[in-house]
Amino acid sequence: MTTVLDTAIAPDRAEPAARSGVSLTDLWLLLTTTIWGANYAVVKYGTDHMDALAFNGARILMATLAFGMLAVLQRRRPGARPIARRDVLALLALGVLGNCVYQTLFAEGVAHTKAGNAALVLAASPALIALIGRWLGIEHVGARAYGGVALSMAGIALVVLGGSMHESSGATLTGDAVVVAAAVCWAWYTVLLKPLTHRVSLVDISALTLVGGMIPLLFVSAPAFAATAWTSVSVRVWGAMTFAGIGSLVIGYLGWYRGVRVLGPTRTAIYSNLQPLIALGVAWAMLPGETPTAWQVAGAVAIIAGVVLTRA
């Protein structure tokens, strides 16, 4: 019997990229989007109650250990394929970009702005990914896919406009600027990762990129780790770290990498446009001062329509 994990880790079992309709990959991406959408409020809560670098380092360490164990188990399976040395080095290097630079910028940005604002800014990633992929010649998509990106971006503009009309002290220009830098890092990371997803299993990709990011992150986070009174960290903050580590980085990364391999960077990235909707809803329920507006509802409709158009 083929399990979900088997499908995720076997490079030769990917679905055809041109397949239309709803597939397992689409469903997994919807789960990933839901987790990542909720993650903004979770990380905001965690970084409000402890140092952002310590919180971020702890959650990435959790994910690194989890994927390390999965990778060891996978290596013991009959017929496990060896990984070329050049691919190992490439994944370690990409890990610095995706799991050190990006994750640090993400955590610091969310810590200094509203969770909803961070989600809206990062929703620009699909457009950046499409442009970078086309520029590098890695991604070739039709007019319909770009139409979906454009429609989703128009929806994001509506949401941002609505947010600017109800600005509060919780949102800062510095935090938003940091999240913009994170979006650029994530776009480059996603596009450059695509060729490797066809040669290396998703578990190995996740394990190696997390190790590559964890090594420099340990040095960056070391002072914050040392200054944190870990015995006084509350159960809720530990729960937030676990969700942001195991949920967002383990379950989420498996779904994201599978999408990049099966659907391509642009079609996978369009799902991230659903994250602001989930992020706004969860932040509204969890955090003060983040009530959705009519502008945001209108933008939500355009964003969902863009996703449907891209996958049609």
C-alpha atoms as a PDB file:
ATOM      1  CA  MET A   1       0.000   0.000   0.000  1.00  0.00           C
ATOM      2  CA  THR A   2       1.347   3.427  -0.967  1.00  0.00           C
ATOM      3  CA  THR A   3       1.211   5.963   1.849  1.00  0.00           C
ATOM      4  CA  VAL A   4       1.249   9.748   1.652  1.00  0.00           C
ATOM      5  CA  LEU A   5       4.842   9.772   2.923  1.00  0.00           C
ATOM      6  CA  ASP A   6       5.875   7.231   0.285  1.00  0.00           C
ATOM      7  CA  THR A   7       4.411   9.486  -2.398  1.00  0.00           C
ATOM      8  CA  ALA A   8       6.231  12.472  -0.942  1.00  0.00           C
ATOM      9  CA  ILE A   9       9.699  10.952  -0.778  1.00  0.00           C
ATOM     10  CA  ALA A  10       9.861   9.047  -4.047  1.00  0.00           C
ATOM     11  CA  PRO A  11      11.050  11.291  -6.910  1.00  0.00           C
ATOM     12  CA  ASP A  12       9.926   8.811  -9.555  1.00  0.00           C
ATOM     13  CA  ARG A  13       6.304   8.758  -8.422  1.00  0.00           C
ATOM     14  CA  ALA A  14       5.441  12.369  -9.189  1.00  0.00           C
ATOM     15  CA  GLU A  15       2.269  13.189 -11.044  1.00  0.00           C
ATOM     16  CA  PRO A  16       2.546  14.748 -14.518  1.00  0.00           C
ATOM     17  CA  ALA A  17       2.931  18.507 -14.257  1.00  0.00           C
ATOM     18  CA  ALA A  18       0.309  19.065 -16.941  1.00  0.00           C
ATOM     19  CA  ARG A  19      -2.419  17.135 -15.119  1.00  0.00           C
ATOM     20  CA  SER A  20      -5.564  19.220 -14.673  1.00  0.00           C
ATOM     21  CA  GLY A  21      -8.212  19.070 -11.971  1.00  0.00           C
ATOM     22  CA  VAL A  22      -7.784  18.505  -8.252  1.00  0.00           C
ATOM     23  CA  SER A  23      -5.048  16.052  -7.296  1.00  0.00           C
ATOM     24  CA  LEU A  24      -3.341  14.818  -4.138  1.00  0.00           C
ATOM     25  CA  THR A  25      -0.750  17.528  -4.707  1.00  0.00           C
ATOM     26  CA  ASP A  26      -3.470  20.201  -4.744  1.00  0.00           C
ATOM     27  CA  LEU A  27      -4.961  18.872  -1.518  1.00  0.00           C
ATOM     28  CA  TRP A  28      -1.556  18.744   0.136  1.00  0.00           C
ATOM     29  CA  LEU A  29      -0.864  22.320  -0.949  1.00  0.00           C
ATOM     30  CA  LEU A  30      -4.187  23.403   0.540  1.00  0.00           C
ATOM     31  CA  LEU A  31      -3.156  21.783   3.849  1.00  0.00           C
ATOM     32  CA  THR A  32       0.240  23.481   3.614  1.00  0.00           C
ATOM     33  CA  THR A  33      -1.414  26.820   2.906  1.00  0.00           C
ATOM     34  CA  THR A  34      -3.725  26.413   5.889  1.00  0.00           C
ATOM     35  CA  ILE A  35      -0.812  25.625   8.215  1.00  0.00           C
ATOM     36  CA  TRP A  36       1.322  28.460   6.855  1.00  0.00           C
ATOM     37  CA  GLY A  37      -1.580  30.900   7.026  1.00  0.00           C
ATOM     38  CA  ALA A  38      -2.128  30.121  10.702  1.00  0.00           C
ATOM     39  CA  ASN A  39       1.628  30.235  11.278  1.00  0.00           C
ATOM     40  CA  TYR A  40       1.745  34.048  11.020  1.00  0.00           C
ATOM     41  CA  ALA A  41      -0.401  34.473  14.115  1.00  0.00           C
ATOM     42  CA  VAL A  42       1.387  31.618  15.883  1.00  0.00           C
ATOM     43  CA  VAL A  43       4.842  33.117  15.230  1.00  0.00           C
ATOM     44  CA  LYS A  44       3.552  36.568  16.188  1.00  0.00           C
ATOM     45  CA  TYR A  45       2.288  35.156  19.482  1.00  0.00           C
ATOM     46  CA  GLY A  46       5.562  33.325  20.131  1.00  0.00           C
ATOM     47  CA  THR A  47       7.808  36.278  19.304  1.00  0.00           C
ATOM     48  CA  ASP A  48       5.653  38.549  21.483  1.00  0.00           C
ATOM     49  CA  HIS A  49       6.504  36.316  24.448  1.00  0.00           C
ATOM     50  CA  MET A  50      10.182  35.555  23.804  1.00  0.00           C
ATOM     51  CA  ASP A  51      13.132  36.708  21.703  1.00  0.00           C
ATOM     52  CA  ALA A  52      12.461  36.241  17.982  1.00  0.00           C
ATOM     53  CA  LEU A  53      15.886  34.723  17.255  1.00  0.00           C
ATOM     54  CA  ALA A  54      15.533  32.197  20.076  1.00  0.00           C
ATOM     55  CA  PHE A  55      12.005  31.260  18.977  1.00  0.00           C
ATOM     56  CA  ASN A  56      13.053  30.927  15.352  1.00  0.00           C
ATOM     57  CA  GLY A  57      16.182  28.914  16.153  1.00  0.00           C
ATOM     58  CA  ALA A  58      14.232  26.509  18.386  1.00  0.00           C
ATOM     59  CA  ARG A  59      11.540  25.790  15.790  1.00  0.00           C
ATOM     60  CA  ILE A  60      14.071  25.215  13.022  1.00  0.00           C
ATOM     61  CA  LEU A  61      16.075  22.925  15.295  1.00  0.00           C
ATOM     62  CA  MET A  62      12.906  20.882  15.919  1.00  0.00           C
ATOM     63  CA  ALA A  63      12.290  20.559  12.181  1.00  0.00           C
ATOM     64  CA  THR A  64      15.921  19.695  11.453  1.00  0.00           C
ATOM     65  CA  LEU A  65      15.885  16.847  13.983  1.00  0.00           C
ATOM     66  CA  ALA A  66      12.555  15.539  12.651  1.00  0.00           C
ATOM     67  CA  PHE A  67      13.699  15.524   9.039  1.00  0.00           C
ATOM     68  CA  GLY A  68      17.056  14.076  10.073  1.00  0.00           C
ATOM     69  CA  MET A  69      15.278  11.050  11.562  1.00  0.00           C
ATOM     70  CA  LEU A  70      13.062  10.680   8.474  1.00  0.00           C
ATOM     71  CA  ALA A  71      16.128  10.872   6.220  1.00  0.00           C
ATOM     72  CA  VAL A  72      17.906   8.142   8.214  1.00  0.00           C
ATOM     73  CA  LEU A  73      14.841   5.900   7.965  1.00  0.00           C
ATOM     74  CA  GLN A  74      14.624   6.570   4.228  1.00  0.00           C
ATOM     75  CA  ARG A  75      18.298   5.694   3.701  1.00  0.00           C
ATOM     76  CA  ARG A  76      17.594   2.279   5.258  1.00  0.00           C
ATOM     77  CA  ARG A  77      14.806   1.466   2.826  1.00  0.00           C
ATOM     78  CA  PRO A  78      15.581  -1.092   0.097  1.00  0.00           C
ATOM     79  CA  GLY A  79      16.482   0.599  -3.177  1.00  0.00           C
ATOM     80  CA  ALA A  80      17.210   3.994  -1.620  1.00  0.00           C
ATOM     81  CA  ARG A  81      18.983   6.141  -4.183  1.00  0.00           C
ATOM     82  CA  PRO A  82      22.310   7.790  -3.345  1.00  0.00           C
ATOM     83  CA  ILE A  83      22.471  11.576  -3.612  1.00  0.00           C
ATOM     84  CA  ALA A  84      25.081  13.080  -5.908  1.00  0.00           C
ATOM     85  CA  ARG A  85      27.723  15.134  -4.089  1.00  0.00           C
ATOM     86  CA  ARG A  86      26.969  18.213  -6.187  1.00  0.00           C
ATOM     87  CA  ASP A  87      23.286  17.982  -5.207  1.00  0.00           C
ATOM     88  CA  VAL A  88      24.194  17.694  -1.528  1.00  0.00           C
ATOM     89  CA  LEU A  89      26.351  20.816  -1.745  1.00  0.00           C
ATOM     90  CA  ALA A  90      23.695  22.688  -3.723  1.00  0.00           C
ATOM     91  CA  LEU A  91      20.999  21.844  -1.178  1.00  0.00           C
ATOM     92  CA  LEU A  92      23.189  22.856   1.753  1.00  0.00           C
ATOM     93  CA  ALA A  93      23.903  26.197   0.050  1.00  0.00           C
ATOM     94  CA  LEU A  94      20.228  26.775  -0.759  1.00  0.00           C
ATOM     95  CA  GLY A  95      19.440  25.939   2.851  1.00  0.00           C
ATOM     96  CA  VAL A  96      21.411  28.985   3.959  1.00  0.00           C
ATOM     97  CA  LEU A  97      19.121  31.152   1.814  1.00  0.00           C
ATOM     98  CA  GLY A  98      15.834  29.383   2.555  1.00  0.00           C
ATOM     99  CA  ASN A  99      16.238  28.302   6.180  1.00  0.00           C
ATOM    100  CA  CYS A 100      18.645  30.843   7.635  1.00  0.00           C
ATOM    101  CA  VAL A 101      18.255  34.143   5.770  1.00  0.00           C
ATOM    102  CA  TYR A 102      14.572  33.781   4.853  1.00  0.00           C
ATOM    103  CA  GLN A 103      13.410  32.269   8.143  1.00  0.00           C
ATOM    104  CA  THR A 104      15.325  34.868  10.163  1.00  0.00           C
ATOM    105  CA  LEU A 105      13.858  37.719   8.115  1.00  0.00           C
ATOM    106  CA  PHE A 106      10.403  36.141   8.388  1.00  0.00           C
ATOM    107  CA  ALA A 107      10.506  35.805  12.183  1.00  0.00           C
ATOM    108  CA  GLU A 108      12.000  39.274  12.709  1.00  0.00           C
ATOM    109  CA  GLY A 109       9.544  40.857  10.272  1.00  0.00           C
ATOM    110  CA  VAL A 110       6.497  39.237  11.901  1.00  0.00           C
ATOM    111  CA  ALA A 111       7.818  40.294  15.311  1.00  0.00           C
ATOM    112  CA  HIS A 112       7.796  43.964  14.197  1.00  0.00           C
ATOM    113  CA  THR A 113       4.536  44.178  12.255  1.00  0.00           C
ATOM    114  CA  LYS A 114       1.000  42.787  12.322  1.00  0.00           C
ATOM    115  CA  ALA A 115       0.547  39.123  11.392  1.00  0.00           C
ATOM    116  CA  GLY A 116      -1.931  40.140   8.679  1.00  0.00           C
ATOM    117  CA  ASN A 117       0.482  42.674   7.200  1.00  0.00           C
ATOM    118  CA  ALA A 118       3.244  40.060   6.987  1.00  0.00           C
ATOM    119  CA  ALA A 119       0.921  37.630   5.215  1.00  0.00           C
ATOM    120  CA  LEU A 120      -0.127  40.278   2.704  1.00  0.00           C
ATOM    121  CA  VAL A 121       3.446  41.309   1.902  1.00  0.00           C
ATOM    122  CA  LEU A 122       4.596  37.708   1.444  1.00  0.00           C
ATOM    123  CA  ALA A 123       1.653  37.126  -0.872  1.00  0.00           C
ATOM    124  CA  ALA A 124       3.736  38.943  -3.509  1.00  0.00           C
ATOM    125  CA  SER A 125       5.947  35.844  -3.720  1.00  0.00           C
ATOM    126  CA  PRO A 126       4.067  34.194  -6.641  1.00  0.00           C
ATOM    127  CA  ALA A 127       4.652  37.208  -8.889  1.00  0.00           C
ATOM    128  CA  LEU A 128       8.314  37.350  -7.899  1.00  0.00           C
ATOM    129  CA  ILE A 129       8.697  33.604  -8.491  1.00  0.00           C
ATOM    130  CA  ALA A 130       7.074  33.842 -11.936  1.00  0.00           C
ATOM    131  CA  LEU A 131       9.318  36.729 -12.965  1.00  0.00           C
ATOM    132  CA  ILE A 132      12.520  35.121 -11.668  1.00  0.00           C
ATOM    133  CA  GLY A 133      11.620  31.732 -13.159  1.00  0.00           C
ATOM    134  CA  ARG A 134      10.928  33.261 -16.553  1.00  0.00           C
ATOM    135  CA  TRP A 135      14.123  35.345 -16.403  1.00  0.00           C
ATOM    136  CA  LEU A 136      16.247  32.278 -15.612  1.00  0.00           C
ATOM    137  CA  GLY A 137      14.461  30.137 -18.195  1.00  0.00           C
ATOM    138  CA  ILE A 138      13.453  27.588 -15.537  1.00  0.00           C
ATOM    139  CA  GLU A 139       9.721  28.206 -15.616  1.00  0.00           C
ATOM    140  CA  HIS A 140       7.519  28.391 -18.723  1.00  0.00           C
ATOM    141  CA  VAL A 141       3.843  29.083 -18.096  1.00  0.00           C
ATOM    142  CA  GLY A 142       0.981  30.143 -20.339  1.00  0.00           C
ATOM    143  CA  ALA A 143      -1.112  33.285 -20.414  1.00  0.00           C
ATOM    144  CA  ARG A 144      -3.798  31.706 -18.215  1.00  0.00           C
ATOM    145  CA  ALA A 145      -1.328  31.088 -15.385  1.00  0.00           C
ATOM    146  CA  TYR A 146      -0.028  34.658 -15.582  1.00  0.00           C
ATOM    147  CA  GLY A 147      -3.633  35.856 -15.691  1.00  0.00           C
ATOM    148  CA  GLY A 148      -4.216  33.981 -12.441  1.00  0.00           C
ATOM    149  CA  VAL A 149      -1.158  35.613 -10.884  1.00  0.00           C
ATOM    150  CA  ALA A 150      -2.334  39.046 -12.048  1.00  0.00           C
ATOM    151  CA  LEU A 151      -5.835  38.510 -10.667  1.00  0.00           C
ATOM    152  CA  SER A 152      -4.467  37.331  -7.330  1.00  0.00           C
ATOM    153  CA  MET A 153      -2.110  40.303  -7.172  1.00  0.00           C
ATOM    154  CA  ALA A 154      -5.062  42.610  -7.846  1.00  0.00           C
ATOM    155  CA  GLY A 155      -6.829  40.985  -4.916  1.00  0.00           C
ATOM    156  CA  ILE A 156      -3.762  41.535  -2.743  1.00  0.00           C
ATOM    157  CA  ALA A 157      -3.771  45.214  -3.773  1.00  0.00           C
ATOM    158  CA  LEU A 158      -7.361  45.501  -2.557  1.00  0.00           C
ATOM    159  CA  VAL A 159      -6.447  43.896   0.749  1.00  0.00           C
ATOM    160  CA  VAL A 160      -3.415  46.147   1.205  1.00  0.00           C
ATOM    161  CA  LEU A 161      -5.498  49.221   0.348  1.00  0.00           C
ATOM    162  CA  GLY A 162      -8.069  48.196   2.930  1.00  0.00           C
ATOM    163  CA  GLY A 163      -5.323  47.699   5.492  1.00  0.00           C
ATOM    164  CA  SER A 164      -3.787  51.108   4.779  1.00  0.00           C
ATOM    165  CA  MET A 165      -7.162  52.739   5.434  1.00  0.00           C
ATOM    166  CA  HIS A 166      -7.258  51.139   8.884  1.00  0.00           C
ATOM    167  CA  GLU A 167      -3.631  51.515   9.902  1.00  0.00           C
ATOM    168  CA  SER A 168      -2.722  50.914  13.533  1.00  0.00           C
ATOM    169  CA  SER A 169       0.359  51.253  15.660  1.00  0.00           C
ATOM    170  CA  GLY A 170       0.845  47.477  15.465  1.00  0.00           C
ATOM    171  CA  ALA A 171       2.103  47.743  11.901  1.00  0.00           C
ATOM    172  CA  THR A 172       5.524  49.267  11.261  1.00  0.00           C
ATOM    173  CA  LEU A 173       7.334  50.245   8.100  1.00  0.00           C
ATOM    174  CA  THR A 174      10.478  48.491   9.320  1.00  0.00           C
ATOM    175  CA  GLY A 175       8.672  45.201   9.877  1.00  0.00           C
ATOM    176  CA  ASP A 176       6.997  45.354   6.463  1.00  0.00           C
ATOM    177  CA  ALA A 177      10.344  46.127   4.777  1.00  0.00           C
ATOM    178  CA  VAL A 178      11.946  43.110   6.459  1.00  0.00           C
ATOM    179  CA  VAL A 179       9.107  40.887   5.243  1.00  0.00           C
ATOM    180  CA  VAL A 180       9.568  42.234   1.691  1.00  0.00           C
ATOM    181  CA  ALA A 181      13.209  41.132   1.853  1.00  0.00           C
ATOM    182  CA  ALA A 182      12.003  37.726   3.092  1.00  0.00           C
ATOM    183  CA  ALA A 183       9.637  37.440   0.108  1.00  0.00           C
ATOM    184  CA  VAL A 184      12.512  38.065  -2.318  1.00  0.00           C
ATOM    185  CA  CYS A 185      14.631  35.398  -0.589  1.00  0.00           C
ATOM    186  CA  TRP A 186      11.783  32.871  -0.718  1.00  0.00           C
ATOM    187  CA  ALA A 187      11.171  33.540  -4.421  1.00  0.00           C
ATOM    188  CA  TRP A 188      14.822  32.904  -5.351  1.00  0.00           C
ATOM    189  CA  TYR A 189      14.943  29.845  -3.094  1.00  0.00           C
ATOM    190  CA  THR A 190      11.829  28.294  -4.673  1.00  0.00           C
ATOM    191  CA  VAL A 191      12.934  28.842  -8.263  1.00  0.00           C
ATOM    192  CA  LEU A 192      16.506  27.603  -7.742  1.00  0.00           C
ATOM    193  CA  LEU A 193      15.218  24.545  -5.895  1.00  0.00           C
ATOM    194  CA  LYS A 194      13.010  23.260  -8.734  1.00  0.00           C
ATOM    195  CA  PRO A 195      15.667  21.302 -10.726  1.00  0.00           C
ATOM    196  CA  LEU A 196      16.746  19.491  -7.566  1.00  0.00           C
ATOM    197  CA  THR A 197      13.198  18.334  -6.769  1.00  0.00           C
ATOM    198  CA  HIS A 198      13.323  16.048  -9.821  1.00  0.00           C
ATOM    199  CA  ARG A 199      16.516  14.290  -8.678  1.00  0.00           C
ATOM    200  CA  VAL A 200      16.306  14.199  -4.883  1.00  0.00           C
ATOM    201  CA  SER A 201      13.527  12.941  -2.599  1.00  0.00           C
ATOM    202  CA  LEU A 202      11.532  15.502  -0.682  1.00  0.00           C
ATOM    203  CA  VAL A 203      12.690  14.216   2.701  1.00  0.00           C
ATOM    204  CA  ASP A 204      16.357  14.488   1.651  1.00  0.00           C
ATOM    205  CA  ILE A 205      15.744  17.974   0.250  1.00  0.00           C
ATOM    206  CA  SER A 206      14.114  19.071   3.488  1.00  0.00           C
ATOM    207  CA  ALA A 207      16.784  17.493   5.710  1.00  0.00           C
ATOM    208  CA  LEU A 208      19.741  18.903   3.770  1.00  0.00           C
ATOM    209  CA  THR A 209      18.321  22.408   3.336  1.00  0.00           C
ATOM    210  CA  LEU A 210      17.422  22.550   7.016  1.00  0.00           C
ATOM    211  CA  VAL A 211      20.918  21.419   8.003  1.00  0.00           C
ATOM    212  CA  GLY A 212      22.384  24.025   5.633  1.00  0.00           C
ATOM    213  CA  GLY A 213      20.284  26.726   7.256  1.00  0.00           C
ATOM    214  CA  MET A 214      20.667  25.474  10.819  1.00  0.00           C
ATOM    215  CA  ILE A 215      24.476  25.675  10.870  1.00  0.00           C
ATOM    216  CA  PRO A 216      24.759  29.472  10.368  1.00  0.00           C
ATOM    217  CA  LEU A 217      21.517  30.035  12.279  1.00  0.00           C
ATOM    218  CA  LEU A 218      23.060  28.462  15.384  1.00  0.00           C
ATOM    219  CA  PHE A 219      25.732  31.168  15.373  1.00  0.00           C
ATOM    220  CA  VAL A 220      23.179  33.928  14.767  1.00  0.00           C
ATOM    221  CA  SER A 221      20.830  32.643  17.467  1.00  0.00           C
ATOM    222  CA  ALA A 222      23.450  31.618  20.052  1.00  0.00           C
ATOM    223  CA  PRO A 223      23.315  34.856  22.138  1.00  0.00           C
ATOM    224  CA  ALA A 224      19.495  34.765  22.189  1.00  0.00           C
ATOM    225  CA  PHE A 225      19.520  31.069  23.136  1.00  0.00           C
ATOM    226  CA  ALA A 226      21.914  31.747  26.009  1.00  0.00           C
ATOM    227  CA  ALA A 227      19.865  34.692  27.286  1.00  0.00           C
ATOM    228  CA  THR A 228      16.538  32.794  27.252  1.00  0.00           C
ATOM    229  CA  ALA A 229      15.237  31.304  30.515  1.00  0.00           C
ATOM    230  CA  TRP A 230      13.948  28.112  28.914  1.00  0.00           C
ATOM    231  CA  THR A 231      12.492  26.695  32.144  1.00  0.00           C
ATOM    232  CA  SER A 232      10.164  29.686  32.403  1.00  0.00           C
ATOM    233  CA  VAL A 233       8.837  29.409  28.832  1.00  0.00           C
ATOM    234  CA  SER A 234       5.092  28.745  29.028  1.00  0.00           C
ATOM    235  CA  VAL A 235       3.321  25.686  27.645  1.00  0.00           C
ATOM    236  CA  ARG A 236       1.538  27.884  25.088  1.00  0.00           C
ATOM    237  CA  VAL A 237       4.817  29.276  23.752  1.00  0.00           C
ATOM    238  CA  TRP A 238       6.250  25.736  23.522  1.00  0.00           C
ATOM    239  CA  GLY A 239       3.084  24.784  21.640  1.00  0.00           C
ATOM    240  CA  ALA A 240       3.608  27.721  19.282  1.00  0.00           C
ATOM    241  CA  MET A 241       7.224  26.624  18.691  1.00  0.00           C
ATOM    242  CA  THR A 242       6.085  23.058  17.957  1.00  0.00           C
ATOM    243  CA  PHE A 243       3.399  24.197  15.526  1.00  0.00           C
ATOM    244  CA  ALA A 244       5.827  26.590  13.804  1.00  0.00           C
ATOM    245  CA  GLY A 245       8.515  23.889  13.675  1.00  0.00           C
ATOM    246  CA  ILE A 246       6.845  20.532  13.043  1.00  0.00           C
ATOM    247  CA  GLY A 247       3.650  21.810  11.448  1.00  0.00           C
ATOM    248  CA  SER A 248       4.988  24.653   9.333  1.00  0.00           C
ATOM    249  CA  LEU A 249       8.433  23.321   8.460  1.00  0.00           C
ATOM    250  CA  VAL A 250       7.943  19.534   8.352  1.00  0.00           C
ATOM    251  CA  ILE A 251       4.390  19.008   7.069  1.00  0.00           C
ATOM    252  CA  GLY A 252       4.404  22.313   5.199  1.00  0.00           C
ATOM    253  CA  TYR A 253       7.757  21.792   3.481  1.00  0.00           C
ATOM    254  CA  LEU A 254       6.818  18.303   2.280  1.00  0.00           C
ATOM    255  CA  GLY A 255       3.699  19.717   0.652  1.00  0.00           C
ATOM    256  CA  TRP A 256       5.505  22.748  -0.813  1.00  0.00           C
ATOM    257  CA  TYR A 257       8.411  20.801  -2.304  1.00  0.00           C
ATOM    258  CA  ARG A 258       6.054  18.259  -3.828  1.00  0.00           C
ATOM    259  CA  GLY A 259       4.095  21.092  -5.405  1.00  0.00           C
ATOM    260  CA  VAL A 260       7.270  22.667  -6.842  1.00  0.00           C
ATOM    261  CA  ARG A 261       8.234  19.314  -8.390  1.00  0.00           C
ATOM    262  CA  VAL A 262       4.798  18.347  -9.736  1.00  0.00           C
ATOM    263  CA  LEU A 263       3.173  21.686 -10.611  1.00  0.00           C
ATOM    264  CA  GLY A 264       6.208  23.973 -10.998  1.00  0.00           C
ATOM    265  CA  PRO A 265       7.188  27.043  -8.939  1.00  0.00           C
ATOM    266  CA  THR A 266       4.597  29.478 -10.309  1.00  0.00           C
ATOM    267  CA  ARG A 267       1.555  27.190  -9.997  1.00  0.00           C
ATOM    268  CA  THR A 268       2.685  26.095  -6.546  1.00  0.00           C
ATOM    269  CA  ALA A 269       3.328  29.657  -5.421  1.00  0.00           C
ATOM    270  CA  ILE A 270      -0.175  30.772  -6.398  1.00  0.00           C
ATOM    271  CA  TYR A 271      -1.482  28.747  -3.460  1.00  0.00           C
ATOM    272  CA  SER A 272       0.424  31.039  -1.130  1.00  0.00           C
ATOM    273  CA  ASN A 273      -2.029  33.759  -2.143  1.00  0.00           C
ATOM    274  CA  LEU A 274      -4.592  31.958   0.028  1.00  0.00           C
ATOM    275  CA  GLN A 275      -2.392  32.464   3.070  1.00  0.00           C
ATOM    276  CA  PRO A 276      -3.482  36.085   3.729  1.00  0.00           C
ATOM    277  CA  LEU A 277      -7.101  34.946   3.988  1.00  0.00           C
ATOM    278  CA  ILE A 278      -6.263  32.291   6.553  1.00  0.00           C
ATOM    279  CA  ALA A 279      -3.743  34.527   8.305  1.00  0.00           C
ATOM    280  CA  LEU A 280      -6.254  37.360   8.654  1.00  0.00           C
ATOM    281  CA  GLY A 281      -8.904  35.007  10.014  1.00  0.00           C
ATOM    282  CA  VAL A 282      -6.621  33.329  12.550  1.00  0.00           C
ATOM    283  CA  ALA A 283      -5.041  36.650  13.570  1.00  0.00           C
ATOM    284  CA  TRP A 284      -8.519  38.124  14.034  1.00  0.00           C
ATOM    285  CA  ALA A 285      -9.382  35.253  16.392  1.00  0.00           C
ATOM    286  CA  MET A 286      -6.044  35.162  18.250  1.00  0.00           C
ATOM    287  CA  LEU A 287      -4.643  38.697  18.241  1.00  0.00           C
ATOM    288  CA  PRO A 288      -6.092  42.153  19.024  1.00  0.00           C
ATOM    289  CA  GLY A 289      -6.426  44.890  16.415  1.00  0.00           C
ATOM    290  CA  GLU A 290      -6.642  42.698  13.279  1.00  0.00           C
ATOM    291  CA  THR A 291     -10.314  42.796  12.287  1.00  0.00           C
ATOM    292  CA  PRO A 292     -10.847  42.153   8.516  1.00  0.00           C
ATOM    293  CA  THR A 293     -12.436  44.920   6.427  1.00  0.00           C
ATOM    294  CA  ALA A 294     -14.763  44.994   3.406  1.00  0.00           C
ATOM    295  CA  TRP A 295     -11.751  45.794   1.196  1.00  0.00           C
ATOM    296  CA  GLN A 296     -10.078  42.660   2.432  1.00  0.00           C
ATOM    297  CA  VAL A 297     -13.155  40.540   1.679  1.00  0.00           C
ATOM    298  CA  ALA A 298     -13.219  41.894  -1.886  1.00  0.00           C
ATOM    299  CA  GLY A 299      -9.539  41.098  -2.233  1.00  0.00           C
ATOM    300  CA  ALA A 300     -10.133  37.591  -0.903  1.00  0.00           C
ATOM    301  CA  VAL A 301     -12.613  36.885  -3.706  1.00  0.00           C
ATOM    302  CA  ALA A 302     -10.067  37.983  -6.338  1.00  0.00           C
ATOM    303  CA  ILE A 303      -7.308  35.924  -4.737  1.00  0.00           C
ATOM    304  CA  ILE A 304      -9.389  32.729  -4.736  1.00  0.00           C
ATOM    305  CA  ALA A 305     -10.437  33.372  -8.330  1.00  0.00           C
ATOM    306  CA  GLY A 306      -6.779  33.699  -9.280  1.00  0.00           C
ATOM    307  CA  VAL A 307      -5.983  30.321  -7.730  1.00  0.00           C
ATOM    308  CA  VAL A 308      -8.850  28.671  -9.619  1.00  0.00           C
ATOM    309  CA  LEU A 309      -7.780  30.281 -12.903  1.00  0.00           C
ATOM    310  CA  THR A 310      -4.171  29.198 -12.502  1.00  0.00           C
ATOM    311  CA  ARG A 311      -5.116  25.552 -11.862  1.00  0.00           C
ATOM    312  CA  ALA A 312      -7.879  25.386 -14.488  1.00  0.00           C
END
